[in-house]
Amino acid sequence: MKKIVGGAATVATAGLIASRIDAADIGMGSELKGKINHSVCRWCYDSVPLDALCKSAKDIGLASIELLKPEEFETVKKHGLSCAMVSSTSKDWGIVKGWNKKEHHEGLEKWHKYLIDETAKAGFTNLICFSGNRDSAIDDEQGMKNCAEGLKRILSYAESKKVVLVMELLNSKVDHKDYMCDHTKWGVDLCKMIGSANFKLLYDIYHMQIMEGDVIRTIKENQQYIAHYHTGGVPGRHEIDETQELYYPSIMKAIADTGFKGFVAQEFIPARKDKLASLKQGVGICDV
């Protein structure tokens, strides 16, 4: 019995080592296939200086580093990279305080017009935005109406600057308690209510797997409302390999099959010591 257990442990260890070797080897020195435009979220690698992350991103084959603030734009541009999704969080505005409360509209309008200007000036396209959290005084229907009313205050301005406002779908079960835009249907209904090609959704695969699952069918049925995708392993939001429950090659193939021309960004938090090896692995997994 002891020999059997020891043998099983040896096999498991060998498998883990092989997985980590693959993670280190994948991506570098090979051409990506081009069906997916690859990006990475800056905050997941905030321990890596931005210049160094840019160099690694170029080596891997990424075209973008995202969720950047305007003061970071020049760094990525000098490396020949884009910012596929501009950040809109600040000390005053973000995930919790969003467009679903009328009392936020004036401040959000001023802030987002500044960001629209900076995004357009840099030659970028997508600017993230958030619904904000629920509370006892507002239901989802009223919150949606408030979001539409508030966003319409800046949509014509965004259209004139060729900037797309992109609301992120986030889970309210694990990470963002009470966040309102936590189901694809709610986000799609908001898109229909607003009725502008310059307002779309960021479909975060990690978050929507937690909230509703059925990822591939949901993507196929709602692709016209989706401007951008984020990845992440479930559970735990770590590497998107065999350590988690989603099979990303199939998801990426489904995205590519819709004719999607936007970006897919790695937004997992590396659990391994070599974070950039995990990033290479993630890009390789998504390069279908």
C-alpha atoms as a PDB file:
ATOM      1  CA  MET A   1       0.000   0.000   0.000  1.00  0.00           C
ATOM      2  CA  LYS A   2       2.780   2.435   0.881  1.00  0.00           C
ATOM      3  CA  LYS A   3       4.493   1.767  -2.466  1.00  0.00           C
ATOM      4  CA  ILE A   4       1.258   2.489  -4.357  1.00  0.00           C
ATOM      5  CA  VAL A   5       0.712   5.752  -2.482  1.00  0.00           C
ATOM      6  CA  GLY A   6       4.322   6.742  -3.082  1.00  0.00           C
ATOM      7  CA  GLY A   7       3.999   5.956  -6.777  1.00  0.00           C
ATOM      8  CA  ALA A   8       0.840   8.033  -7.059  1.00  0.00           C
ATOM      9  CA  ALA A   9       2.561  10.927  -5.329  1.00  0.00           C
ATOM     10  CA  THR A  10       5.508  10.624  -7.714  1.00  0.00           C
ATOM     11  CA  VAL A  11       3.192  10.695 -10.740  1.00  0.00           C
ATOM     12  CA  ALA A  12       1.322  13.701  -9.353  1.00  0.00           C
ATOM     13  CA  THR A  13       4.578  15.558  -8.694  1.00  0.00           C
ATOM     14  CA  ALA A  14       5.862  14.757 -12.175  1.00  0.00           C
ATOM     15  CA  GLY A  15       2.618  16.069 -13.655  1.00  0.00           C
ATOM     16  CA  LEU A  16       2.914  19.304 -11.673  1.00  0.00           C
ATOM     17  CA  ILE A  17       6.527  19.786 -12.790  1.00  0.00           C
ATOM     18  CA  ALA A  18       5.560  19.132 -16.414  1.00  0.00           C
ATOM     19  CA  SER A  19       2.750  21.655 -16.138  1.00  0.00           C
ATOM     20  CA  ARG A  20       5.112  24.314 -14.843  1.00  0.00           C
ATOM     21  CA  ILE A  21       7.694  23.556 -17.525  1.00  0.00           C
ATOM     22  CA  ASP A  22       4.968  23.978 -20.127  1.00  0.00           C
ATOM     23  CA  ALA A  23       3.984  27.260 -18.515  1.00  0.00           C
ATOM     24  CA  ALA A  24       7.541  28.543 -18.821  1.00  0.00           C
ATOM     25  CA  ASP A  25       8.030  27.375 -22.403  1.00  0.00           C
ATOM     26  CA  ILE A  26       4.760  28.369 -24.025  1.00  0.00           C
ATOM     27  CA  GLY A  27       4.458  31.635 -25.946  1.00  0.00           C
ATOM     28  CA  MET A  28       8.095  32.703 -26.303  1.00  0.00           C
ATOM     29  CA  GLY A  29       9.776  32.215 -29.636  1.00  0.00           C
ATOM     30  CA  SER A  30       6.611  31.298 -31.539  1.00  0.00           C
ATOM     31  CA  GLU A  31       4.204  33.275 -33.679  1.00  0.00           C
ATOM     32  CA  LEU A  32       0.684  33.643 -32.356  1.00  0.00           C
ATOM     33  CA  LYS A  33      -2.085  32.488 -34.672  1.00  0.00           C
ATOM     34  CA  GLY A  34      -3.827  35.836 -34.993  1.00  0.00           C
ATOM     35  CA  LYS A  35      -7.442  34.818 -34.395  1.00  0.00           C
ATOM     36  CA  ILE A  36      -7.413  36.392 -30.921  1.00  0.00           C
ATOM     37  CA  ASN A  37      -6.093  39.874 -30.120  1.00  0.00           C
ATOM     38  CA  HIS A  38      -4.280  39.474 -26.803  1.00  0.00           C
ATOM     39  CA  SER A  39      -4.074  41.950 -23.922  1.00  0.00           C
ATOM     40  CA  VAL A  40      -3.245  41.813 -20.209  1.00  0.00           C
ATOM     41  CA  CYS A  41      -4.608  43.724 -17.224  1.00  0.00           C
ATOM     42  CA  ARG A  42      -1.927  45.802 -15.556  1.00  0.00           C
ATOM     43  CA  TRP A  43      -3.172  45.368 -11.989  1.00  0.00           C
ATOM     44  CA  CYS A  44      -2.552  41.598 -11.997  1.00  0.00           C
ATOM     45  CA  TYR A  45       1.180  42.300 -12.494  1.00  0.00           C
ATOM     46  CA  ASP A  46       1.539  45.452 -10.426  1.00  0.00           C
ATOM     47  CA  SER A  47       4.716  44.105  -8.792  1.00  0.00           C
ATOM     48  CA  VAL A  48       6.372  44.187 -12.227  1.00  0.00           C
ATOM     49  CA  PRO A  49       7.531  47.663 -13.379  1.00  0.00           C
ATOM     50  CA  LEU A  50       5.445  48.819 -16.321  1.00  0.00           C
ATOM     51  CA  ASP A  51       8.471  49.100 -18.626  1.00  0.00           C
ATOM     52  CA  ALA A  52       9.462  45.512 -17.835  1.00  0.00           C
ATOM     53  CA  LEU A  53       5.901  44.295 -18.322  1.00  0.00           C
ATOM     54  CA  CYS A  54       5.795  46.042 -21.701  1.00  0.00           C
ATOM     55  CA  LYS A  55       8.970  44.278 -22.818  1.00  0.00           C
ATOM     56  CA  SER A  56       7.663  40.883 -21.722  1.00  0.00           C
ATOM     57  CA  ALA A  57       4.292  41.552 -23.334  1.00  0.00           C
ATOM     58  CA  LYS A  58       5.989  42.306 -26.658  1.00  0.00           C
ATOM     59  CA  ASP A  59       8.082  39.124 -26.400  1.00  0.00           C
ATOM     60  CA  ILE A  60       4.990  37.032 -25.723  1.00  0.00           C
ATOM     61  CA  GLY A  61       3.085  38.597 -28.591  1.00  0.00           C
ATOM     62  CA  LEU A  62       0.576  40.782 -26.781  1.00  0.00           C
ATOM     63  CA  ALA A  63      -0.633  43.962 -28.457  1.00  0.00           C
ATOM     64  CA  SER A  64      -1.976  45.709 -25.355  1.00  0.00           C
ATOM     65  CA  ILE A  65      -1.606  46.331 -21.639  1.00  0.00           C
ATOM     66  CA  GLU A  66      -4.859  47.621 -20.220  1.00  0.00           C
ATOM     67  CA  LEU A  67      -6.679  49.224 -17.318  1.00  0.00           C
ATOM     68  CA  LEU A  68      -4.132  52.007 -17.454  1.00  0.00           C
ATOM     69  CA  LYS A  69      -4.531  55.607 -16.355  1.00  0.00           C
ATOM     70  CA  PRO A  70      -3.713  58.472 -18.760  1.00  0.00           C
ATOM     71  CA  GLU A  71      -0.333  59.120 -17.138  1.00  0.00           C
ATOM     72  CA  GLU A  72       0.707  55.568 -18.114  1.00  0.00           C
ATOM     73  CA  PHE A  73      -0.249  55.819 -21.791  1.00  0.00           C
ATOM     74  CA  GLU A  74       3.092  57.076 -23.059  1.00  0.00           C
ATOM     75  CA  THR A  75       4.958  54.139 -21.524  1.00  0.00           C
ATOM     76  CA  VAL A  76       2.987  51.538 -23.453  1.00  0.00           C
ATOM     77  CA  LYS A  77       2.994  53.611 -26.636  1.00  0.00           C
ATOM     78  CA  LYS A  78       6.781  53.900 -26.676  1.00  0.00           C
ATOM     79  CA  HIS A  79       6.908  50.089 -26.685  1.00  0.00           C
ATOM     80  CA  GLY A  80       4.509  49.933 -29.631  1.00  0.00           C
ATOM     81  CA  LEU A  81       1.627  48.675 -27.489  1.00  0.00           C
ATOM     82  CA  SER A  82      -1.956  49.818 -27.141  1.00  0.00           C
ATOM     83  CA  CYS A  83      -4.294  50.105 -24.157  1.00  0.00           C
ATOM     84  CA  ALA A  84      -7.332  48.065 -25.173  1.00  0.00           C
ATOM     85  CA  MET A  85      -9.376  49.190 -22.144  1.00  0.00           C
ATOM     86  CA  VAL A  86      -8.741  52.456 -20.310  1.00  0.00           C
ATOM     87  CA  SER A  87      -9.301  52.529 -16.542  1.00  0.00           C
ATOM     88  CA  SER A  88     -11.954  54.801 -15.039  1.00  0.00           C
ATOM     89  CA  THR A  89     -11.414  54.142 -11.344  1.00  0.00           C
ATOM     90  CA  SER A  90     -10.282  56.931  -9.044  1.00  0.00           C
ATOM     91  CA  LYS A  91     -10.476  57.846  -5.382  1.00  0.00           C
ATOM     92  CA  ASP A  92     -14.009  59.129  -6.037  1.00  0.00           C
ATOM     93  CA  TRP A  93     -15.423  56.786  -8.688  1.00  0.00           C
ATOM     94  CA  GLY A  94     -15.289  53.096  -9.474  1.00  0.00           C
ATOM     95  CA  ILE A  95     -17.037  49.778  -9.057  1.00  0.00           C
ATOM     96  CA  VAL A  96     -19.082  50.730  -5.992  1.00  0.00           C
ATOM     97  CA  LYS A  97     -20.020  54.278  -7.023  1.00  0.00           C
ATOM     98  CA  GLY A  98     -21.371  54.094 -10.553  1.00  0.00           C
ATOM     99  CA  TRP A  99     -24.086  55.228 -12.919  1.00  0.00           C
ATOM    100  CA  ASN A 100     -27.056  53.578 -11.182  1.00  0.00           C
ATOM    101  CA  LYS A 101     -27.452  56.478  -8.729  1.00  0.00           C
ATOM    102  CA  LYS A 102     -28.669  59.831 -10.068  1.00  0.00           C
ATOM    103  CA  GLU A 103     -26.705  61.720  -7.445  1.00  0.00           C
ATOM    104  CA  HIS A 104     -23.491  60.421  -9.037  1.00  0.00           C
ATOM    105  CA  HIS A 105     -24.294  61.565 -12.575  1.00  0.00           C
ATOM    106  CA  GLU A 106     -22.865  65.078 -12.471  1.00  0.00           C
ATOM    107  CA  GLY A 107     -19.527  63.959 -11.042  1.00  0.00           C
ATOM    108  CA  LEU A 108     -19.301  60.932 -13.323  1.00  0.00           C
ATOM    109  CA  GLU A 109     -20.101  63.038 -16.379  1.00  0.00           C
ATOM    110  CA  LYS A 110     -17.234  65.426 -15.651  1.00  0.00           C
ATOM    111  CA  TRP A 111     -14.791  62.591 -14.899  1.00  0.00           C
ATOM    112  CA  HIS A 112     -15.701  60.501 -17.925  1.00  0.00           C
ATOM    113  CA  LYS A 113     -15.553  63.439 -20.328  1.00  0.00           C
ATOM    114  CA  TYR A 114     -11.991  64.027 -19.184  1.00  0.00           C
ATOM    115  CA  LEU A 115     -11.193  60.329 -19.727  1.00  0.00           C
ATOM    116  CA  ILE A 116     -12.913  60.309 -23.116  1.00  0.00           C
ATOM    117  CA  ASP A 117     -10.674  63.202 -24.154  1.00  0.00           C
ATOM    118  CA  GLU A 118      -7.527  61.452 -22.921  1.00  0.00           C
ATOM    119  CA  THR A 119      -8.531  58.133 -24.507  1.00  0.00           C
ATOM    120  CA  ALA A 120      -9.196  59.758 -27.875  1.00  0.00           C
ATOM    121  CA  LYS A 121      -6.024  61.858 -27.708  1.00  0.00           C
ATOM    122  CA  ALA A 122      -3.970  58.683 -27.207  1.00  0.00           C
ATOM    123  CA  GLY A 123      -5.665  56.972 -30.142  1.00  0.00           C
ATOM    124  CA  PHE A 124      -7.367  54.347 -27.973  1.00  0.00           C
ATOM    125  CA  THR A 125     -11.002  53.233 -28.216  1.00  0.00           C
ATOM    126  CA  ASN A 126     -12.493  51.579 -25.111  1.00  0.00           C
ATOM    127  CA  LEU A 127     -13.198  53.196 -21.734  1.00  0.00           C
ATOM    128  CA  ILE A 128     -14.484  51.023 -18.905  1.00  0.00           C
ATOM    129  CA  CYS A 129     -17.438  52.041 -16.749  1.00  0.00           C
ATOM    130  CA  PHE A 130     -19.446  50.501 -13.922  1.00  0.00           C
ATOM    131  CA  SER A 131     -23.064  50.250 -12.815  1.00  0.00           C
ATOM    132  CA  GLY A 132     -22.280  50.753  -9.146  1.00  0.00           C
ATOM    133  CA  ASN A 133     -23.675  48.797  -6.221  1.00  0.00           C
ATOM    134  CA  ARG A 134     -27.259  48.112  -5.261  1.00  0.00           C
ATOM    135  CA  ASP A 135     -28.683  49.305  -1.979  1.00  0.00           C
ATOM    136  CA  SER A 136     -32.019  49.005  -0.188  1.00  0.00           C
ATOM    137  CA  ALA A 137     -33.331  52.183  -1.827  1.00  0.00           C
ATOM    138  CA  ILE A 138     -32.970  51.081  -5.454  1.00  0.00           C
ATOM    139  CA  ASP A 139     -34.002  47.987  -7.394  1.00  0.00           C
ATOM    140  CA  ASP A 140     -32.435  46.606 -10.562  1.00  0.00           C
ATOM    141  CA  GLU A 141     -35.066  48.074 -12.877  1.00  0.00           C
ATOM    142  CA  GLN A 142     -34.684  51.598 -11.517  1.00  0.00           C
ATOM    143  CA  GLY A 143     -30.927  51.201 -11.430  1.00  0.00           C
ATOM    144  CA  MET A 144     -30.947  50.300 -15.125  1.00  0.00           C
ATOM    145  CA  LYS A 145     -33.061  53.353 -15.967  1.00  0.00           C
ATOM    146  CA  ASN A 146     -30.692  55.545 -13.960  1.00  0.00           C
ATOM    147  CA  CYS A 147     -27.653  54.072 -15.767  1.00  0.00           C
ATOM    148  CA  ALA A 148     -29.259  54.754 -19.135  1.00  0.00           C
ATOM    149  CA  GLU A 149     -30.176  58.312 -18.175  1.00  0.00           C
ATOM    150  CA  GLY A 150     -26.706  59.060 -16.856  1.00  0.00           C
ATOM    151  CA  LEU A 151     -24.762  57.455 -19.699  1.00  0.00           C
ATOM    152  CA  LYS A 152     -26.845  59.254 -22.314  1.00  0.00           C
ATOM    153  CA  ARG A 153     -25.453  62.490 -20.892  1.00  0.00           C
ATOM    154  CA  ILE A 154     -22.030  61.591 -22.320  1.00  0.00           C
ATOM    155  CA  LEU A 155     -22.751  59.210 -25.197  1.00  0.00           C
ATOM    156  CA  SER A 156     -22.947  61.849 -27.920  1.00  0.00           C
ATOM    157  CA  TYR A 157     -19.635  63.211 -26.664  1.00  0.00           C
ATOM    158  CA  ALA A 158     -18.099  59.715 -26.706  1.00  0.00           C
ATOM    159  CA  GLU A 159     -19.466  59.159 -30.226  1.00  0.00           C
ATOM    160  CA  SER A 160     -17.913  62.420 -31.429  1.00  0.00           C
ATOM    161  CA  LYS A 161     -14.534  61.257 -30.082  1.00  0.00           C
ATOM    162  CA  LYS A 162     -14.945  57.678 -31.405  1.00  0.00           C
ATOM    163  CA  VAL A 163     -14.744  56.256 -27.880  1.00  0.00           C
ATOM    164  CA  VAL A 164     -16.815  53.273 -26.732  1.00  0.00           C
ATOM    165  CA  LEU A 165     -18.072  53.150 -23.140  1.00  0.00           C
ATOM    166  CA  VAL A 166     -17.857  49.550 -21.921  1.00  0.00           C
ATOM    167  CA  MET A 167     -19.630  48.402 -18.753  1.00  0.00           C
ATOM    168  CA  GLU A 168     -18.075  45.429 -17.011  1.00  0.00           C
ATOM    169  CA  LEU A 169     -20.096  42.418 -15.897  1.00  0.00           C
ATOM    170  CA  LEU A 170     -18.870  41.433 -12.402  1.00  0.00           C
ATOM    171  CA  ASN A 171     -19.930  38.769  -9.931  1.00  0.00           C
ATOM    172  CA  SER A 172     -21.773  39.860  -6.789  1.00  0.00           C
ATOM    173  CA  LYS A 173     -21.413  36.427  -5.168  1.00  0.00           C
ATOM    174  CA  VAL A 174     -17.703  36.304  -4.316  1.00  0.00           C
ATOM    175  CA  ASP A 175     -15.810  39.472  -5.210  1.00  0.00           C
ATOM    176  CA  HIS A 176     -18.155  42.454  -5.551  1.00  0.00           C
ATOM    177  CA  LYS A 177     -21.078  42.116  -3.174  1.00  0.00           C
ATOM    178  CA  ASP A 178     -24.173  44.050  -4.298  1.00  0.00           C
ATOM    179  CA  TYR A 179     -22.736  45.072  -7.688  1.00  0.00           C
ATOM    180  CA  MET A 180     -25.724  45.647  -9.975  1.00  0.00           C
ATOM    181  CA  CYS A 181     -24.470  44.679 -13.453  1.00  0.00           C
ATOM    182  CA  ASP A 182     -23.907  41.071 -12.377  1.00  0.00           C
ATOM    183  CA  HIS A 183     -25.791  39.142 -15.077  1.00  0.00           C
ATOM    184  CA  THR A 184     -25.458  39.225 -18.843  1.00  0.00           C
ATOM    185  CA  LYS A 185     -29.202  39.761 -19.360  1.00  0.00           C
ATOM    186  CA  TRP A 186     -29.193  42.905 -17.221  1.00  0.00           C
ATOM    187  CA  GLY A 187     -26.257  44.292 -19.185  1.00  0.00           C
ATOM    188  CA  VAL A 188     -27.801  43.388 -22.549  1.00  0.00           C
ATOM    189  CA  ASP A 189     -31.112  44.984 -21.548  1.00  0.00           C
ATOM    190  CA  LEU A 190     -29.209  48.156 -20.643  1.00  0.00           C
ATOM    191  CA  CYS A 191     -27.507  48.100 -24.059  1.00  0.00           C
ATOM    192  CA  LYS A 192     -30.928  47.825 -25.721  1.00  0.00           C
ATOM    193  CA  MET A 193     -32.311  50.653 -23.587  1.00  0.00           C
ATOM    194  CA  ILE A 194     -29.411  52.944 -24.518  1.00  0.00           C
ATOM    195  CA  GLY A 195     -29.384  51.913 -28.169  1.00  0.00           C
ATOM    196  CA  SER A 196     -25.929  53.139 -29.137  1.00  0.00           C
ATOM    197  CA  ALA A 197     -23.035  51.316 -30.828  1.00  0.00           C
ATOM    198  CA  ASN A 198     -20.779  53.315 -28.475  1.00  0.00           C
ATOM    199  CA  PHE A 199     -22.066  51.521 -25.386  1.00  0.00           C
ATOM    200  CA  LYS A 200     -21.279  47.833 -24.973  1.00  0.00           C
ATOM    201  CA  LEU A 201     -20.312  45.224 -22.386  1.00  0.00           C
ATOM    202  CA  LEU A 202     -17.099  43.777 -21.036  1.00  0.00           C
ATOM    203  CA  TYR A 203     -17.879  40.089 -20.641  1.00  0.00           C
ATOM    204  CA  ASP A 204     -15.636  38.845 -17.844  1.00  0.00           C
ATOM    205  CA  ILE A 205     -15.564  35.069 -18.228  1.00  0.00           C
ATOM    206  CA  TYR A 206     -14.412  34.493 -14.647  1.00  0.00           C
ATOM    207  CA  HIS A 207     -17.180  36.616 -13.151  1.00  0.00           C
ATOM    208  CA  MET A 208     -19.952  35.256 -15.360  1.00  0.00           C
ATOM    209  CA  GLN A 209     -18.960  31.643 -14.759  1.00  0.00           C
ATOM    210  CA  ILE A 210     -19.510  32.310 -11.053  1.00  0.00           C
ATOM    211  CA  MET A 211     -22.857  34.057 -11.555  1.00  0.00           C
ATOM    212  CA  GLU A 212     -24.520  32.118 -14.352  1.00  0.00           C
ATOM    213  CA  GLY A 213     -22.250  29.645 -16.175  1.00  0.00           C
ATOM    214  CA  ASP A 214     -23.357  28.607 -19.686  1.00  0.00           C
ATOM    215  CA  VAL A 215     -20.499  30.745 -21.000  1.00  0.00           C
ATOM    216  CA  ILE A 216     -20.241  29.649 -24.639  1.00  0.00           C
ATOM    217  CA  ARG A 217     -23.964  29.788 -25.406  1.00  0.00           C
ATOM    218  CA  THR A 218     -24.259  33.172 -23.688  1.00  0.00           C
ATOM    219  CA  ILE A 219     -21.365  34.566 -25.751  1.00  0.00           C
ATOM    220  CA  LYS A 220     -22.812  33.285 -29.007  1.00  0.00           C
ATOM    221  CA  GLU A 221     -26.287  34.670 -28.295  1.00  0.00           C
ATOM    222  CA  ASN A 222     -25.091  38.103 -27.138  1.00  0.00           C
ATOM    223  CA  GLN A 223     -21.889  38.720 -29.089  1.00  0.00           C
ATOM    224  CA  GLN A 224     -23.239  41.893 -30.734  1.00  0.00           C
ATOM    225  CA  TYR A 225     -23.344  43.581 -27.309  1.00  0.00           C
ATOM    226  CA  ILE A 226     -19.833  42.529 -26.225  1.00  0.00           C
ATOM    227  CA  ALA A 227     -16.818  44.764 -26.898  1.00  0.00           C
ATOM    228  CA  HIS A 228     -14.192  43.022 -24.780  1.00  0.00           C
ATOM    229  CA  TYR A 229     -13.399  39.868 -22.766  1.00  0.00           C
ATOM    230  CA  HIS A 230     -11.464  39.117 -19.573  1.00  0.00           C
ATOM    231  CA  THR A 231     -10.158  35.738 -18.443  1.00  0.00           C
ATOM    232  CA  GLY A 232      -9.616  34.171 -15.024  1.00  0.00           C
ATOM    233  CA  GLY A 233      -9.564  30.706 -13.497  1.00  0.00           C
ATOM    234  CA  VAL A 234     -12.561  29.472 -11.507  1.00  0.00           C
ATOM    235  CA  PRO A 235     -12.380  29.008  -8.582  1.00  0.00           C
ATOM    236  CA  GLY A 236      -9.806  31.421  -7.190  1.00  0.00           C
ATOM    237  CA  ARG A 237      -9.107  33.673 -10.204  1.00  0.00           C
ATOM    238  CA  HIS A 238      -5.708  32.128 -10.786  1.00  0.00           C
ATOM    239  CA  GLU A 239      -4.086  30.450 -13.797  1.00  0.00           C
ATOM    240  CA  ILE A 240      -6.453  29.358 -16.585  1.00  0.00           C
ATOM    241  CA  ASP A 241      -4.897  25.907 -17.048  1.00  0.00           C
ATOM    242  CA  GLU A 242      -5.885  22.432 -15.827  1.00  0.00           C
ATOM    243  CA  THR A 243      -6.032  23.699 -12.230  1.00  0.00           C
ATOM    244  CA  GLN A 244      -9.526  25.154 -12.756  1.00  0.00           C
ATOM    245  CA  GLU A 245     -12.948  24.238 -14.116  1.00  0.00           C
ATOM    246  CA  LEU A 246     -13.182  26.201 -17.385  1.00  0.00           C
ATOM    247  CA  TYR A 247     -11.719  24.956 -20.663  1.00  0.00           C
ATOM    248  CA  TYR A 248     -10.486  28.144 -22.260  1.00  0.00           C
ATOM    249  CA  PRO A 249      -9.513  26.803 -25.712  1.00  0.00           C
ATOM    250  CA  SER A 250     -13.167  26.003 -26.414  1.00  0.00           C
ATOM    251  CA  ILE A 251     -14.298  29.379 -25.097  1.00  0.00           C
ATOM    252  CA  MET A 252     -11.746  31.191 -27.266  1.00  0.00           C
ATOM    253  CA  LYS A 253     -12.777  29.195 -30.318  1.00  0.00           C
ATOM    254  CA  ALA A 254     -16.397  30.183 -29.687  1.00  0.00           C
ATOM    255  CA  ILE A 255     -15.372  33.848 -29.417  1.00  0.00           C
ATOM    256  CA  ALA A 256     -13.330  33.662 -32.626  1.00  0.00           C
ATOM    257  CA  ASP A 257     -16.202  31.907 -34.416  1.00  0.00           C
ATOM    258  CA  THR A 258     -18.492  34.888 -33.724  1.00  0.00           C
ATOM    259  CA  GLY A 259     -16.174  37.045 -35.822  1.00  0.00           C
ATOM    260  CA  PHE A 260     -15.064  39.063 -32.791  1.00  0.00           C
ATOM    261  CA  LYS A 261     -12.282  41.534 -33.660  1.00  0.00           C
ATOM    262  CA  GLY A 262     -11.744  43.108 -30.240  1.00  0.00           C
ATOM    263  CA  PHE A 263      -9.397  42.066 -27.451  1.00  0.00           C
ATOM    264  CA  VAL A 264      -9.237  39.249 -24.909  1.00  0.00           C
ATOM    265  CA  ALA A 265      -7.292  40.258 -21.796  1.00  0.00           C
ATOM    266  CA  GLN A 266      -5.705  37.968 -19.235  1.00  0.00           C
ATOM    267  CA  GLU A 267      -7.040  39.071 -15.837  1.00  0.00           C
ATOM    268  CA  PHE A 268      -6.059  36.205 -13.576  1.00  0.00           C
ATOM    269  CA  ILE A 269      -3.904  36.636 -10.472  1.00  0.00           C
ATOM    270  CA  PRO A 270      -0.856  34.406 -10.898  1.00  0.00           C
ATOM    271  CA  ALA A 271      -0.476  31.922  -8.048  1.00  0.00           C
ATOM    272  CA  ARG A 272       2.941  30.721  -9.174  1.00  0.00           C
ATOM    273  CA  LYS A 273       6.224  32.405  -8.344  1.00  0.00           C
ATOM    274  CA  ASP A 274       7.069  33.126 -11.974  1.00  0.00           C
ATOM    275  CA  LYS A 275       4.166  35.415 -12.860  1.00  0.00           C
ATOM    276  CA  LEU A 276       5.316  36.106 -16.393  1.00  0.00           C
ATOM    277  CA  ALA A 277       5.566  32.376 -17.116  1.00  0.00           C
ATOM    278  CA  SER A 278       1.932  32.097 -16.083  1.00  0.00           C
ATOM    279  CA  LEU A 279       1.053  34.992 -18.385  1.00  0.00           C
ATOM    280  CA  LYS A 280       2.815  33.264 -21.292  1.00  0.00           C
ATOM    281  CA  GLN A 281       0.924  30.107 -20.529  1.00  0.00           C
ATOM    282  CA  GLY A 282      -2.401  31.933 -20.421  1.00  0.00           C
ATOM    283  CA  VAL A 283      -1.811  33.603 -23.767  1.00  0.00           C
ATOM    284  CA  GLY A 284      -0.779  30.269 -25.275  1.00  0.00           C
ATOM    285  CA  ILE A 285      -3.926  28.574 -23.982  1.00  0.00           C
ATOM    286  CA  CYS A 286      -6.074  31.315 -25.523  1.00  0.00           C
ATOM    287  CA  ASP A 287      -4.234  31.334 -28.844  1.00  0.00           C
ATOM    288  CA  VAL A 288      -6.579  29.062 -30.764  1.00  0.00           C
END
